[in-house]
Amino acid sequence: MKKLASVVFTGLVISGCSSVVTEQTAAIDQLTPCNKIQTLLGAYDTRFESLKTTKVTTKFMDSWSTNYHLVGQQCQITAFDHDNVIYRCQNSYKEQMAAVTASAF
């Protein structure tokens, strides 16, 4: 399965597309949670370059939307400087119970 994660990740890097094609989405969906985390950790060394799409620059940081979500939804990449880059996902909830239930997973 580790080889599959590498193939999917390499395919996304080579494609250079801002959107993920159906075959790539299907391959990503078949990865185990551990494979997704391993792929995410492997992308850290390149500052998540293969995951980045639209860039937004502010005085304090640069942010990119992601072309696919390995963990969670509504994920983005944020770089505060050359050494500090993060991949984060967040959700908003209208009710406390929905947030508590979602955080249990």
N, C-alpha and C. Protein backbone atom coordinates (compact mmCIF):
# COMPACT_ATOMS: atom_id res chain seq x y z
N MET A 1 0.82 -1.18 0.00
CA MET A 1 0.00 0.00 0.00
C MET A 1 0.87 1.25 0.00
N LYS A 2 2.06 1.17 0.62
CA LYS A 2 2.95 2.32 0.63
C LYS A 2 3.33 2.70 -0.80
N LYS A 3 3.51 1.69 -1.64
CA LYS A 3 3.86 1.95 -3.04
C LYS A 3 2.71 2.66 -3.75
N LEU A 4 1.47 2.28 -3.45
CA LEU A 4 0.31 2.93 -4.04
C LEU A 4 0.26 4.40 -3.64
N ALA A 5 0.54 4.68 -2.38
CA ALA A 5 0.54 6.08 -1.92
C ALA A 5 1.61 6.88 -2.67
N SER A 6 2.77 6.28 -2.88
CA SER A 6 3.83 6.96 -3.61
C SER A 6 3.44 7.21 -5.06
N VAL A 7 2.79 6.24 -5.68
CA VAL A 7 2.36 6.38 -7.07
C VAL A 7 1.31 7.49 -7.20
N VAL A 8 0.34 7.51 -6.29
CA VAL A 8 -0.70 8.54 -6.32
C VAL A 8 -0.07 9.91 -6.13
N PHE A 9 0.80 10.01 -5.13
CA PHE A 9 1.43 11.29 -4.84
C PHE A 9 2.28 11.75 -6.01
N THR A 10 3.05 10.86 -6.61
CA THR A 10 3.87 11.20 -7.77
C THR A 10 3.00 11.62 -8.95
N GLY A 11 1.90 10.94 -9.15
CA GLY A 11 0.98 11.29 -10.23
C GLY A 11 0.43 12.69 -10.07
N LEU A 12 0.14 13.07 -8.85
CA LEU A 12 -0.36 14.42 -8.61
C LEU A 12 0.72 15.46 -8.84
N VAL A 13 1.94 15.14 -8.48
CA VAL A 13 3.04 16.08 -8.70
C VAL A 13 3.28 16.27 -10.19
N ILE A 14 3.31 15.19 -10.93
CA ILE A 14 3.58 15.25 -12.36
C ILE A 14 2.45 15.95 -13.10
N SER A 15 1.22 15.71 -12.68
CA SER A 15 0.08 16.27 -13.41
C SER A 15 0.07 17.79 -13.36
N GLY A 16 0.46 18.36 -12.24
CA GLY A 16 0.50 19.81 -12.11
C GLY A 16 -0.85 20.48 -12.27
N CYS A 17 -1.91 19.75 -12.16
CA CYS A 17 -3.25 20.31 -12.33
C CYS A 17 -3.74 20.89 -11.02
N SER A 18 -4.58 21.89 -11.13
CA SER A 18 -5.13 22.48 -9.91
C SER A 18 -6.33 21.70 -9.40
N SER A 19 -6.87 20.82 -10.21
CA SER A 19 -7.96 19.99 -9.74
C SER A 19 -7.57 18.52 -9.90
N VAL A 20 -8.15 17.70 -9.08
CA VAL A 20 -7.84 16.28 -9.07
C VAL A 20 -8.82 15.55 -9.97
N VAL A 21 -8.32 14.72 -10.87
CA VAL A 21 -9.18 13.98 -11.77
C VAL A 21 -9.83 12.82 -11.03
N THR A 22 -10.85 12.26 -11.61
CA THR A 22 -11.64 11.21 -10.98
C THR A 22 -10.78 10.01 -10.59
N GLU A 23 -9.85 9.60 -11.43
CA GLU A 23 -9.00 8.44 -11.13
C GLU A 23 -8.12 8.72 -9.91
N GLN A 24 -7.61 9.94 -9.82
CA GLN A 24 -6.78 10.30 -8.68
C GLN A 24 -7.59 10.33 -7.40
N THR A 25 -8.80 10.87 -7.47
CA THR A 25 -9.67 10.91 -6.31
C THR A 25 -10.00 9.50 -5.83
N ALA A 26 -10.27 8.61 -6.77
CA ALA A 26 -10.58 7.22 -6.42
C ALA A 26 -9.37 6.56 -5.75
N ALA A 27 -8.17 6.82 -6.28
CA ALA A 27 -6.96 6.24 -5.69
C ALA A 27 -6.72 6.79 -4.29
N ILE A 28 -6.95 8.06 -4.09
CA ILE A 28 -6.78 8.67 -2.77
C ILE A 28 -7.80 8.10 -1.79
N ASP A 29 -9.03 7.92 -2.24
CA ASP A 29 -10.08 7.38 -1.38
C ASP A 29 -9.77 5.95 -0.93
N GLN A 30 -8.99 5.21 -1.71
CA GLN A 30 -8.66 3.83 -1.37
C GLN A 30 -7.50 3.72 -0.39
N LEU A 31 -6.79 4.80 -0.17
CA LEU A 31 -5.67 4.76 0.78
C LEU A 31 -6.19 4.62 2.20
N THR A 32 -5.44 3.91 3.02
CA THR A 32 -5.80 3.79 4.43
C THR A 32 -5.45 5.09 5.13
N PRO A 33 -6.02 5.34 6.29
CA PRO A 33 -5.65 6.54 7.04
C PRO A 33 -4.14 6.63 7.30
N CYS A 34 -3.51 5.49 7.57
CA CYS A 34 -2.05 5.49 7.80
C CYS A 34 -1.30 5.90 6.54
N ASN A 35 -1.73 5.42 5.38
CA ASN A 35 -1.09 5.79 4.12
C ASN A 35 -1.25 7.27 3.84
N LYS A 36 -2.43 7.81 4.16
CA LYS A 36 -2.66 9.24 3.95
C LYS A 36 -1.73 10.07 4.83
N ILE A 37 -1.56 9.65 6.09
CA ILE A 37 -0.67 10.37 7.00
C ILE A 37 0.77 10.25 6.51
N GLN A 38 1.18 9.07 6.06
CA GLN A 38 2.54 8.89 5.54
C GLN A 38 2.78 9.78 4.32
N THR A 39 1.81 9.89 3.45
CA THR A 39 1.92 10.76 2.28
C THR A 39 2.02 12.21 2.71
N LEU A 40 1.23 12.60 3.67
CA LEU A 40 1.27 13.97 4.19
C LEU A 40 2.62 14.27 4.82
N LEU A 41 3.13 13.35 5.60
CA LEU A 41 4.45 13.54 6.22
C LEU A 41 5.55 13.62 5.16
N GLY A 42 5.43 12.83 4.11
CA GLY A 42 6.41 12.89 3.02
C GLY A 42 6.38 14.21 2.29
N ALA A 43 5.21 14.83 2.22
CA ALA A 43 5.07 16.11 1.52
C ALA A 43 5.62 17.27 2.34
N TYR A 44 5.82 17.07 3.63
CA TYR A 44 6.33 18.15 4.49
C TYR A 44 7.71 18.62 4.03
N ASP A 45 8.57 17.69 3.64
CA ASP A 45 9.94 18.04 3.23
C ASP A 45 9.99 18.99 2.05
N THR A 46 8.96 19.00 1.22
CA THR A 46 8.91 19.91 0.07
C THR A 46 7.94 21.07 0.32
N ARG A 47 7.62 21.30 1.59
CA ARG A 47 6.70 22.37 1.98
C ARG A 47 5.32 22.18 1.34
N PHE A 48 4.94 20.92 1.14
CA PHE A 48 3.62 20.56 0.59
C PHE A 48 3.39 21.11 -0.81
N GLU A 49 4.44 21.29 -1.58
CA GLU A 49 4.33 21.90 -2.92
C GLU A 49 3.31 21.20 -3.81
N SER A 50 3.27 19.88 -3.78
CA SER A 50 2.36 19.16 -4.67
C SER A 50 0.90 19.27 -4.25
N LEU A 51 0.65 19.74 -3.06
CA LEU A 51 -0.73 19.88 -2.58
C LEU A 51 -1.30 21.27 -2.78
N LYS A 52 -0.45 22.24 -3.07
CA LYS A 52 -0.86 23.64 -3.13
C LYS A 52 -1.60 23.99 -4.42
N THR A 53 -2.63 24.84 -4.28
CA THR A 53 -3.29 25.40 -5.46
C THR A 53 -3.30 26.92 -5.35
N THR A 54 -4.41 27.52 -5.07
CA THR A 54 -4.55 28.97 -5.05
C THR A 54 -3.82 29.58 -3.85
N LYS A 55 -3.00 30.61 -4.13
CA LYS A 55 -2.21 31.25 -3.08
C LYS A 55 -2.82 32.60 -2.68
N VAL A 56 -2.82 32.85 -1.37
CA VAL A 56 -3.24 34.13 -0.82
C VAL A 56 -2.08 34.63 0.05
N THR A 57 -1.62 35.84 -0.21
CA THR A 57 -0.51 36.41 0.53
C THR A 57 -0.98 37.57 1.39
N THR A 58 -0.56 37.56 2.66
CA THR A 58 -0.82 38.67 3.56
C THR A 58 0.52 39.17 4.10
N LYS A 59 0.47 40.18 4.90
CA LYS A 59 1.68 40.75 5.49
C LYS A 59 2.40 39.74 6.39
N PHE A 60 1.66 38.83 6.99
CA PHE A 60 2.22 37.92 7.98
C PHE A 60 2.42 36.49 7.50
N MET A 61 1.78 36.09 6.42
CA MET A 61 1.87 34.69 5.98
C MET A 61 1.37 34.52 4.55
N ASP A 62 1.69 33.35 4.01
CA ASP A 62 1.14 32.90 2.73
C ASP A 62 0.27 31.69 3.00
N SER A 63 -0.86 31.60 2.33
CA SER A 63 -1.76 30.46 2.48
C SER A 63 -2.15 29.93 1.12
N TRP A 64 -2.34 28.64 1.03
CA TRP A 64 -2.77 27.99 -0.21
C TRP A 64 -3.94 27.09 0.10
N SER A 65 -4.87 27.00 -0.81
CA SER A 65 -5.87 25.95 -0.73
C SER A 65 -5.20 24.68 -1.22
N THR A 66 -5.80 23.54 -0.91
CA THR A 66 -5.20 22.27 -1.31
C THR A 66 -6.01 21.64 -2.44
N ASN A 67 -5.31 20.88 -3.30
CA ASN A 67 -6.01 20.27 -4.42
C ASN A 67 -6.70 18.96 -4.03
N TYR A 68 -6.37 18.41 -2.88
CA TYR A 68 -7.12 17.30 -2.30
C TYR A 68 -6.85 17.26 -0.82
N HIS A 69 -7.74 16.60 -0.08
CA HIS A 69 -7.66 16.57 1.37
C HIS A 69 -7.28 15.16 1.82
N LEU A 70 -6.11 15.04 2.42
CA LEU A 70 -5.69 13.74 2.92
C LEU A 70 -6.35 13.41 4.25
N VAL A 71 -6.52 14.42 5.07
CA VAL A 71 -7.21 14.25 6.36
C VAL A 71 -8.19 15.41 6.50
N GLY A 72 -9.38 15.13 6.95
CA GLY A 72 -10.34 16.19 7.15
C GLY A 72 -10.85 16.82 5.87
N GLN A 73 -11.51 17.93 6.01
CA GLN A 73 -12.04 18.71 4.90
C GLN A 73 -11.64 20.15 5.12
N GLN A 74 -11.84 20.99 4.14
CA GLN A 74 -11.52 22.41 4.24
C GLN A 74 -10.09 22.61 4.73
N CYS A 75 -9.16 21.93 4.08
CA CYS A 75 -7.75 21.99 4.48
C CYS A 75 -7.03 23.08 3.71
N GLN A 76 -6.00 23.62 4.33
CA GLN A 76 -5.16 24.60 3.67
C GLN A 76 -3.73 24.50 4.22
N ILE A 77 -2.81 25.07 3.48
CA ILE A 77 -1.40 25.09 3.84
C ILE A 77 -1.05 26.53 4.17
N THR A 78 -0.37 26.74 5.28
CA THR A 78 0.02 28.07 5.70
C THR A 78 1.51 28.11 5.98
N ALA A 79 2.19 29.12 5.44
CA ALA A 79 3.62 29.31 5.68
C ALA A 79 3.80 30.67 6.35
N PHE A 80 4.37 30.65 7.54
CA PHE A 80 4.63 31.88 8.28
C PHE A 80 6.00 32.45 7.90
N ASP A 81 6.91 31.58 7.56
CA ASP A 81 8.23 31.94 7.06
C ASP A 81 8.80 30.71 6.37
N HIS A 82 10.07 30.73 6.03
CA HIS A 82 10.63 29.60 5.28
C HIS A 82 10.68 28.31 6.10
N ASP A 83 10.78 28.42 7.41
CA ASP A 83 10.92 27.24 8.26
C ASP A 83 9.61 26.72 8.84
N ASN A 84 8.60 27.54 8.87
CA ASN A 84 7.34 27.17 9.52
C ASN A 84 6.20 27.08 8.53
N VAL A 85 5.85 25.86 8.18
CA VAL A 85 4.74 25.61 7.25
C VAL A 85 3.85 24.54 7.86
N ILE A 86 2.53 24.74 7.77
CA ILE A 86 1.60 23.78 8.36
C ILE A 86 0.51 23.40 7.36
N TYR A 87 -0.01 22.21 7.52
CA TYR A 87 -1.17 21.70 6.78
C TYR A 87 -2.26 21.57 7.84
N ARG A 88 -3.35 22.30 7.67
CA ARG A 88 -4.38 22.26 8.69
C ARG A 88 -5.76 22.16 8.05
N CYS A 89 -6.66 21.56 8.81
CA CYS A 89 -8.04 21.40 8.38
C CYS A 89 -8.94 21.90 9.49
N GLN A 90 -10.05 22.51 9.11
CA GLN A 90 -10.98 23.01 10.12
C GLN A 90 -12.40 22.94 9.62
N ASN A 91 -13.31 22.88 10.56
CA ASN A 91 -14.74 22.90 10.28
C ASN A 91 -15.42 23.86 11.24
N SER A 92 -16.54 24.41 10.83
CA SER A 92 -17.35 25.26 11.70
C SER A 92 -18.65 24.53 12.00
N TYR A 93 -19.11 24.68 13.24
CA TYR A 93 -20.33 24.02 13.66
C TYR A 93 -21.25 25.04 14.31
N LYS A 94 -22.55 24.90 14.06
CA LYS A 94 -23.53 25.81 14.63
C LYS A 94 -23.88 25.43 16.07
N GLU A 95 -23.73 24.13 16.38
CA GLU A 95 -24.12 23.66 17.71
C GLU A 95 -22.96 22.92 18.36
N GLN A 96 -22.85 23.05 19.67
CA GLN A 96 -21.77 22.43 20.43
C GLN A 96 -21.78 20.92 20.28
N MET A 97 -22.94 20.29 20.33
CA MET A 97 -23.02 18.84 20.27
C MET A 97 -22.46 18.31 18.95
N ALA A 98 -22.71 19.00 17.87
CA ALA A 98 -22.17 18.58 16.57
C ALA A 98 -20.64 18.65 16.57
N ALA A 99 -20.07 19.68 17.18
CA ALA A 99 -18.62 19.82 17.26
C ALA A 99 -18.02 18.74 18.14
N VAL A 100 -18.66 18.45 19.26
CA VAL A 100 -18.14 17.42 20.17
C VAL A 100 -18.22 16.05 19.51
N THR A 101 -19.30 15.78 18.82
CA THR A 101 -19.45 14.49 18.12
C THR A 101 -18.40 14.35 17.03
N ALA A 102 -18.15 15.39 16.26
CA ALA A 102 -17.18 15.34 15.18
C ALA A 102 -15.77 15.17 15.72
N SER A 103 -15.46 15.79 16.86
CA SER A 103 -14.11 15.70 17.40
C SER A 103 -13.81 14.33 17.99
N ALA A 104 -14.82 13.53 18.22
CA ALA A 104 -14.62 12.18 18.75
C ALA A 104 -14.02 11.26 17.71
N PHE A 105 -14.05 11.65 16.44
CA PHE A 105 -13.51 10.81 15.39
C PHE A 105 -12.16 11.30 15.07
